[in-house]
Amino acid sequence: MPYGRQSIDPSDVEAVVAALTSDWLTTGPRVADFEADIAAVAGAPAVTVTNGTTALHTAYAAAGVGPGDEVVTTPMTFVATASTAMLHGATVLFADVEDETANIDPAAVEALVSEKTRAIGAVDYAGHPAEYDVLRKIAERVDAVVIGDAAHAIGSTYHGRPVGTLADLTTFSFFPTKNLTTAEGGAVASTRPDLLDRARTFRNIGMVRDRDRLRHPDEGGWYYEVQGFGLNYRLPDVLCALGSSQLRRIAAFKGRRQQLTARYDKLLAGVPGLRLPVQRDGVDPMRHLYPVRVLGGRRREVYDRLRAQGILVQVNYIPVYWHPMFEDLGYRRGMCPVAEAFYAEELSLPLFYDLTDADQDRVVEALRIVLGS
């Protein structure tokens, strides 16, 4: 039993087969269709890319992040949230997280920003949106861009607003364990047309075709220009077909994840040695993870014993700056003590659309036995 997995039904298969038998395999009409479908859920226009990592790389490019800039972000995330900023030449500063949500702590961000700050990168950990209203006020003071890594959070809302409207740029991942899948895939959304246009150009190798933007517009109908370097991060039609099909089921995906989350909350309430995740007022999350905290230094024991029973729990995440690449650059353990304490206790229980109540009961019973309750 994995901690997460995709849900593929016959309608998804039919959509992919239809794309495969069409005239378009790479960039065709289904790309535009999927981008419109994402916008309907995210609340903002979107540009598709090849995965969640390239979405982040594209978002930092759109924000103009480069050498000499600083990016403030969280260590409680997958490494790409930080590494893609560094690939643009920026220096990354890690702000500690909130103990309650494991999201970036605005107070810690406030202490790190300066005139060098180009972007503040938040992560909606486990699907629970970060405190974007506060982060945007901090960013405005130093003229920075807020980037929301919503790889976990498509379908979530924050005080009635969908996640794609909360930051200046928002990134999504459609990896199989996420809330919906295109196999590999991602997107960048923004309510700002200038930033979205930069993202679109970057993901298309920097190519410009619009006549009114060309430096030499009289060459002919075939002509295009590369006015700034970009990369080929285009998501093909066939995967966009799968994405659009998946988005038609997103309400069902969210409903089932919320049912499972509520069942975990009820079944695990009062279990000694266990701390359950928190949902703040005004947040309606689509839970990507169900992260518990195993107290008393027993996380490794619980992890090993559950996996030995075929319950493939996971740990999300190793603090980014613990990785050797960051250690070699001078980052040291102890920088973000709240994040490190969270990591020492965190365990992600199985949570996915096709998880049955019986499967969940098995997880709960095994966890109770291991913890001796």
Protein backbone atom coordinates (compact mmCIF):
# COMPACT_ATOMS: atom_id res chain seq x y z
CA MET A 1 0.00 0.00 0.00
CA PRO A 2 1.79 3.18 -1.16
CA TYR A 3 1.50 6.55 0.57
CA GLY A 4 0.11 8.03 -2.65
CA ARG A 5 -0.84 6.94 -6.15
CA GLN A 6 -2.71 8.02 -9.27
CA SER A 7 -6.32 7.17 -10.10
CA ILE A 8 -6.88 6.31 -13.77
CA ASP A 9 -10.33 5.39 -15.10
CA PRO A 10 -11.65 4.51 -18.59
CA SER A 11 -12.39 8.14 -19.41
CA ASP A 12 -8.69 8.97 -18.92
CA VAL A 13 -7.67 6.12 -21.22
CA GLU A 14 -10.16 7.24 -23.86
CA ALA A 15 -8.83 10.81 -23.75
CA VAL A 16 -5.24 9.66 -24.21
CA VAL A 17 -6.13 7.29 -27.06
CA ALA A 18 -8.02 10.08 -28.82
CA ALA A 19 -4.96 12.30 -28.56
CA LEU A 20 -2.65 9.55 -29.82
CA THR A 21 -4.80 9.02 -32.91
CA SER A 22 -5.10 12.74 -33.68
CA ASP A 23 -2.73 14.88 -35.76
CA TRP A 24 -1.14 16.37 -32.64
CA LEU A 25 1.24 14.70 -30.21
CA THR A 26 3.29 17.68 -29.04
CA THR A 27 1.88 21.23 -28.91
CA GLY A 28 -1.67 21.21 -30.23
CA PRO A 29 -5.21 22.17 -29.26
CA ARG A 30 -5.28 20.05 -26.11
CA VAL A 31 -2.54 22.18 -24.56
CA ALA A 32 -4.74 25.27 -24.74
CA ASP A 33 -7.72 23.25 -23.52
CA PHE A 34 -5.82 21.97 -20.49
CA GLU A 35 -4.49 25.42 -19.67
CA ALA A 36 -8.05 26.74 -19.69
CA ASP A 37 -9.16 23.84 -17.49
CA ILE A 38 -6.37 24.58 -15.00
CA ALA A 39 -7.35 28.25 -14.94
CA ALA A 40 -10.93 27.32 -14.06
CA VAL A 41 -9.70 25.51 -10.94
CA ALA A 42 -6.67 27.65 -10.06
CA GLY A 43 -8.50 30.93 -10.53
CA ALA A 44 -5.81 32.39 -12.80
CA PRO A 45 -4.52 31.87 -16.36
CA ALA A 46 -1.92 29.13 -16.62
CA VAL A 47 0.97 27.94 -18.78
CA THR A 48 1.70 24.21 -18.83
CA VAL A 49 5.24 22.83 -18.47
CA THR A 50 6.87 19.42 -18.29
CA ASN A 51 6.82 18.91 -14.49
CA GLY A 52 6.73 20.62 -11.13
CA THR A 53 10.47 21.28 -11.09
CA THR A 54 10.42 23.01 -14.47
CA ALA A 55 7.38 24.97 -13.30
CA LEU A 56 9.50 26.41 -10.49
CA HIS A 57 12.43 27.08 -12.82
CA THR A 58 10.05 28.87 -15.18
CA ALA A 59 8.42 30.88 -12.38
CA TYR A 60 11.78 32.14 -11.11
CA ALA A 61 12.70 33.09 -14.69
CA ALA A 62 9.42 34.99 -15.07
CA ALA A 63 10.14 36.79 -11.80
CA GLY A 64 13.49 37.92 -13.18
CA VAL A 65 15.55 36.06 -10.58
CA GLY A 66 19.25 36.12 -11.44
CA PRO A 67 22.80 36.51 -10.12
CA GLY A 68 23.04 38.85 -7.15
CA ASP A 69 19.43 38.27 -6.13
CA GLU A 70 18.26 36.55 -2.98
CA VAL A 71 15.31 34.20 -2.71
CA VAL A 72 13.79 33.46 0.70
CA THR A 73 12.09 30.09 0.90
CA THR A 74 11.29 27.17 3.17
CA PRO A 75 13.47 24.14 3.93
CA MET A 76 10.40 21.92 4.42
CA THR A 77 9.92 21.04 0.77
CA PHE A 78 11.35 19.04 -2.08
CA VAL A 79 14.77 20.30 -3.10
CA ALA A 80 13.54 21.83 -6.39
CA THR A 81 11.87 24.76 -4.61
CA ALA A 82 15.35 26.02 -3.76
CA SER A 83 17.61 24.47 -6.39
CA THR A 84 15.77 25.96 -9.35
CA ALA A 85 16.31 29.47 -7.96
CA MET A 86 20.00 28.70 -7.52
CA LEU A 87 20.19 27.50 -11.14
CA HIS A 88 19.34 31.10 -12.08
CA GLY A 89 22.31 32.30 -10.02
CA ALA A 90 20.38 33.44 -6.95
CA THR A 91 21.37 32.97 -3.33
CA VAL A 92 18.78 31.09 -1.29
CA LEU A 93 18.02 32.01 2.31
CA PHE A 94 15.99 29.50 4.31
CA ALA A 95 13.27 30.82 6.62
CA ASP A 96 12.00 28.54 9.38
CA VAL A 97 8.47 27.12 9.34
CA GLU A 98 5.43 27.36 11.56
CA ASP A 99 5.18 24.54 14.07
CA GLU A 100 1.44 24.18 13.45
CA THR A 101 1.36 23.85 9.64
CA ALA A 102 5.00 23.32 8.55
CA ASN A 103 4.45 26.22 6.14
CA ILE A 104 6.96 29.06 5.91
CA ASP A 105 6.78 31.37 8.92
CA PRO A 106 6.12 35.00 7.88
CA ALA A 107 7.99 36.24 10.94
CA ALA A 108 11.08 34.31 9.86
CA VAL A 109 10.71 35.71 6.34
CA GLU A 110 10.45 39.24 7.72
CA ALA A 111 13.78 38.77 9.48
CA LEU A 112 15.56 37.71 6.27
CA VAL A 113 14.27 40.00 3.51
CA SER A 114 16.34 42.95 2.28
CA GLU A 115 16.80 45.11 -0.79
CA LYS A 116 18.46 42.05 -2.38
CA THR A 117 15.31 39.92 -2.06
CA ARG A 118 13.87 39.22 -5.49
CA ALA A 119 11.37 36.52 -4.54
CA ILE A 120 9.73 34.90 -1.54
CA GLY A 121 8.93 31.25 -2.20
CA ALA A 122 6.18 29.69 -0.10
CA VAL A 123 5.08 26.04 -0.19
CA ASP A 124 1.55 24.86 0.56
CA TYR A 125 2.69 21.93 2.63
CA ALA A 126 0.41 18.87 2.40
CA GLY A 127 -2.18 21.00 0.58
CA HIS A 128 -2.64 23.62 3.33
CA PRO A 129 -2.04 27.12 1.84
CA ALA A 130 0.60 29.33 3.39
CA GLU A 131 -0.16 32.74 4.91
CA TYR A 132 -0.07 34.61 1.62
CA ASP A 133 -1.74 37.83 2.76
CA VAL A 134 1.05 38.45 5.26
CA LEU A 135 3.76 37.30 2.83
CA ARG A 136 2.54 39.69 0.15
CA LYS A 137 2.75 42.64 2.52
CA ILE A 138 6.34 41.70 3.33
CA ALA A 139 7.14 41.32 -0.38
CA GLU A 140 5.62 44.69 -1.25
CA ARG A 141 7.85 46.41 1.28
CA VAL A 142 11.02 45.16 -0.45
CA ASP A 143 9.62 45.09 -4.00
CA ALA A 144 9.82 41.29 -4.25
CA VAL A 145 7.64 38.74 -6.02
CA VAL A 146 5.76 36.05 -4.10
CA ILE A 147 5.94 32.59 -5.65
CA GLY A 148 3.58 29.92 -4.35
CA ASP A 149 4.72 26.32 -4.76
CA ALA A 150 1.29 24.70 -4.83
CA ALA A 151 2.49 21.29 -5.97
CA HIS A 152 0.40 19.83 -3.12
CA ALA A 153 -2.51 22.22 -3.29
CA ILE A 154 -4.42 22.47 -6.56
CA GLY A 155 -8.06 22.45 -5.50
CA SER A 156 -7.38 24.12 -2.14
CA THR A 157 -8.76 27.52 -1.20
CA TYR A 158 -7.66 30.20 1.26
CA HIS A 159 -10.42 32.41 2.71
CA GLY A 160 -12.57 31.55 -0.31
CA ARG A 161 -9.84 32.22 -2.89
CA PRO A 162 -8.34 29.46 -5.06
CA VAL A 163 -4.61 28.89 -4.69
CA GLY A 164 -3.73 30.25 -8.13
CA THR A 165 -4.78 33.74 -7.05
CA LEU A 166 -2.81 33.99 -3.81
CA ALA A 167 0.76 34.63 -5.03
CA ASP A 168 2.19 36.60 -7.94
CA LEU A 169 3.18 33.29 -9.54
CA THR A 170 1.89 29.85 -8.54
CA THR A 171 3.36 26.51 -9.60
CA PHE A 172 1.68 23.11 -9.81
CA SER A 173 2.87 19.53 -10.17
CA PHE A 174 0.94 16.72 -11.84
CA PHE A 175 3.19 13.85 -10.74
CA PRO A 176 1.28 10.59 -10.15
CA THR A 177 1.21 10.96 -6.34
CA LYS A 178 -0.26 14.48 -6.53
CA ASN A 179 -3.93 15.51 -6.49
CA LEU A 180 -4.26 14.85 -10.23
CA THR A 181 -1.80 13.57 -12.80
CA THR A 182 -0.55 13.93 -16.35
CA ALA A 183 2.15 11.29 -15.61
CA GLU A 184 4.82 14.01 -15.65
CA GLY A 185 3.64 17.59 -15.92
CA GLY A 186 3.24 20.94 -14.25
CA ALA A 187 1.98 24.46 -14.72
CA VAL A 188 2.62 28.08 -13.80
CA ALA A 189 -0.36 30.34 -13.07
CA SER A 190 -0.51 34.09 -12.55
CA THR A 191 -3.06 36.87 -12.40
CA ARG A 192 -0.38 39.20 -13.83
CA PRO A 193 -0.26 39.08 -17.65
CA ASP A 194 3.35 40.33 -17.75
CA LEU A 195 4.62 37.50 -15.57
CA LEU A 196 2.56 34.88 -17.39
CA ASP A 197 3.87 36.09 -20.75
CA ARG A 198 7.46 35.76 -19.50
CA ALA A 199 6.71 32.26 -18.26
CA ARG A 200 5.17 31.28 -21.61
CA THR A 201 8.19 32.60 -23.53
CA PHE A 202 10.71 30.89 -21.22
CA ARG A 203 9.02 27.48 -21.53
CA ASN A 204 9.11 27.88 -25.33
CA ILE A 205 12.90 28.26 -25.67
CA GLY A 206 12.61 32.05 -25.51
CA MET A 207 10.94 32.23 -28.92
CA VAL A 208 8.92 35.34 -29.80
CA ARG A 209 6.55 35.30 -32.79
CA ASP A 210 4.19 38.23 -32.12
CA ARG A 211 4.86 40.79 -34.84
CA ASP A 212 4.49 43.76 -32.53
CA ARG A 213 7.25 42.39 -30.29
CA LEU A 214 9.77 41.49 -32.99
CA ARG A 215 12.91 43.53 -33.36
CA HIS A 216 12.91 42.83 -37.11
CA PRO A 217 9.24 42.41 -38.03
CA ASP A 218 9.52 42.45 -41.84
CA GLU A 219 11.31 39.15 -42.46
CA GLY A 220 8.26 37.07 -43.34
CA GLY A 221 5.59 34.80 -41.91
CA TRP A 222 8.08 32.13 -40.88
CA TYR A 223 10.14 34.50 -38.76
CA TYR A 224 10.65 34.34 -35.00
CA GLU A 225 13.24 35.71 -32.62
CA VAL A 226 14.94 34.52 -29.46
CA GLN A 227 15.28 37.68 -27.43
CA GLY A 228 16.22 35.93 -24.19
CA PHE A 229 17.28 32.41 -23.39
CA GLY A 230 14.63 29.87 -22.45
CA LEU A 231 14.18 26.11 -22.44
CA ASN A 232 11.88 23.59 -24.09
CA TYR A 233 9.51 22.87 -21.23
CA ARG A 234 6.42 22.30 -23.41
CA LEU A 235 3.94 19.69 -22.17
CA PRO A 236 2.69 17.56 -25.09
CA ASP A 237 -0.90 17.27 -26.25
CA VAL A 238 -1.21 13.64 -25.23
CA LEU A 239 -0.41 14.41 -21.57
CA CYS A 240 -2.63 17.50 -21.61
CA ALA A 241 -5.49 15.25 -22.75
CA LEU A 242 -4.96 13.14 -19.65
CA GLY A 243 -4.82 16.27 -17.49
CA SER A 244 -8.10 17.66 -18.78
CA SER A 245 -9.76 14.31 -18.19
CA GLN A 246 -8.41 14.21 -14.64
CA LEU A 247 -9.61 17.75 -13.92
CA ARG A 248 -13.15 16.69 -14.72
CA ARG A 249 -12.90 14.47 -11.63
CA ILE A 250 -11.21 16.96 -9.32
CA ALA A 251 -14.31 17.56 -7.19
CA ALA A 252 -14.53 13.82 -6.55
CA PHE A 253 -10.79 13.66 -5.83
CA LYS A 254 -11.07 16.47 -3.30
CA GLY A 255 -14.19 15.05 -1.67
CA ARG A 256 -12.64 11.64 -1.14
CA ARG A 257 -9.38 13.05 0.21
CA GLN A 258 -11.37 15.15 2.66
CA GLN A 259 -13.41 12.11 3.74
CA LEU A 260 -10.24 10.12 4.35
CA THR A 261 -8.66 13.02 6.24
CA ALA A 262 -11.72 13.30 8.49
CA ARG A 263 -11.65 9.53 9.13
CA TYR A 264 -7.96 9.68 10.09
CA ASP A 265 -8.72 12.61 12.41
CA LYS A 266 -11.47 10.60 14.12
CA LEU A 267 -9.76 7.22 14.24
CA LEU A 268 -6.42 8.57 15.48
CA ALA A 269 -7.76 11.11 17.97
CA GLY A 270 -6.26 10.54 21.39
CA VAL A 271 -3.64 8.00 20.28
CA PRO A 272 -0.72 8.59 22.66
CA GLY A 273 2.57 9.58 21.10
CA LEU A 274 0.91 10.96 17.98
CA ARG A 275 0.22 14.52 16.85
CA LEU A 276 -2.28 15.08 14.04
CA PRO A 277 -2.22 17.78 11.32
CA VAL A 278 -4.02 21.08 11.82
CA GLN A 279 -6.45 22.92 9.56
CA ARG A 280 -6.71 26.65 10.13
CA ASP A 281 -9.90 28.67 9.94
CA GLY A 282 -10.59 29.94 6.44
CA VAL A 283 -8.63 27.15 4.76
CA ASP A 284 -10.36 24.50 2.66
CA PRO A 285 -7.47 22.22 1.71
CA MET A 286 -7.30 19.43 -0.80
CA ARG A 287 -4.97 17.28 1.28
CA HIS A 288 -2.10 15.86 -0.72
CA LEU A 289 -0.54 14.32 2.39
CA TYR A 290 -1.76 13.25 5.80
CA PRO A 291 1.33 14.12 7.89
CA VAL A 292 1.34 12.92 11.48
CA ARG A 293 4.08 13.58 14.00
CA VAL A 294 5.41 10.59 15.91
CA LEU A 295 6.59 11.78 19.30
CA GLY A 296 9.15 10.42 21.73
CA GLY A 297 11.88 9.76 19.16
CA ARG A 298 9.99 6.78 17.69
CA ARG A 299 9.51 7.95 14.09
CA ARG A 300 12.22 5.65 12.66
CA GLU A 301 10.82 2.64 14.54
CA VAL A 302 7.27 3.31 13.39
CA TYR A 303 8.42 3.89 9.80
CA ASP A 304 10.37 0.62 9.68
CA ARG A 305 7.64 -1.49 11.30
CA LEU A 306 4.83 -0.17 9.11
CA ARG A 307 6.82 -0.61 5.91
CA ALA A 308 7.69 -4.16 6.99
CA GLN A 309 3.92 -4.80 6.92
CA GLY A 310 3.61 -3.42 3.39
CA ILE A 311 2.26 -0.04 4.50
CA LEU A 312 4.62 2.22 2.59
CA VAL A 313 4.55 5.35 4.69
CA GLN A 314 6.88 8.18 3.68
CA VAL A 315 8.78 11.08 5.24
CA ASN A 316 8.17 14.53 3.70
CA TYR A 317 10.74 16.15 3.72
CA ILE A 318 14.41 16.11 4.55
CA PRO A 319 15.27 19.77 5.25
CA VAL A 320 16.63 21.04 1.94
CA TYR A 321 19.88 22.42 3.33
CA TRP A 322 20.77 19.02 4.82
CA HIS A 323 21.50 17.69 1.33
CA PRO A 324 25.24 17.42 0.56
CA MET A 325 25.02 19.92 -2.31
CA PHE A 326 23.91 22.59 0.16
CA GLU A 327 26.34 21.46 2.84
CA ASP A 328 29.14 21.88 0.30
CA LEU A 329 27.97 25.46 -0.27
CA GLY A 330 28.24 26.27 3.43
CA TYR A 331 24.70 25.69 4.68
CA ARG A 332 24.68 24.11 8.14
CA ARG A 333 22.26 22.05 10.19
CA GLY A 334 20.54 23.94 12.98
CA MET A 335 19.56 26.92 10.79
CA CYS A 336 15.82 26.26 11.04
CA PRO A 337 15.13 24.43 14.32
CA VAL A 338 11.35 24.26 13.94
CA ALA A 339 11.68 22.64 10.51
CA GLU A 340 14.27 20.19 11.83
CA ALA A 341 12.05 19.25 14.77
CA PHE A 342 9.16 18.70 12.38
CA TYR A 343 11.32 16.51 10.12
CA ALA A 344 12.42 14.40 13.10
CA GLU A 345 8.81 13.44 13.82
CA GLU A 346 6.95 13.59 10.48
CA LEU A 347 5.39 10.53 8.86
CA SER A 348 3.04 10.64 5.85
CA LEU A 349 0.27 8.04 6.06
CA PRO A 350 -1.32 6.59 2.90
CA LEU A 351 -3.74 9.06 1.32
CA PHE A 352 -5.09 8.77 -2.22
CA TYR A 353 -8.44 8.69 -4.02
CA ASP A 354 -8.72 4.91 -4.36
CA LEU A 355 -7.72 4.17 -0.75
CA THR A 356 -10.63 2.20 0.74
CA ASP A 357 -12.01 2.52 4.23
CA ALA A 358 -10.74 -1.01 4.88
CA ASP A 359 -7.25 -0.01 3.72
CA GLN A 360 -7.35 2.98 6.03
CA ASP A 361 -8.56 0.87 8.94
CA ARG A 362 -5.57 -1.41 8.37
CA VAL A 363 -3.20 1.58 8.53
CA VAL A 364 -4.80 2.88 11.72
CA GLU A 365 -4.78 -0.53 13.44
CA ALA A 366 -1.15 -1.14 12.53
CA LEU A 367 -0.17 2.30 13.79
CA ARG A 368 -2.06 1.80 17.05
CA ILE A 369 -0.36 -1.55 17.65
CA VAL A 370 3.11 -0.17 16.98
CA LEU A 371 2.48 2.75 19.34
CA GLY A 372 1.03 0.43 21.95
CA SER A 373 -2.41 1.95 22.21
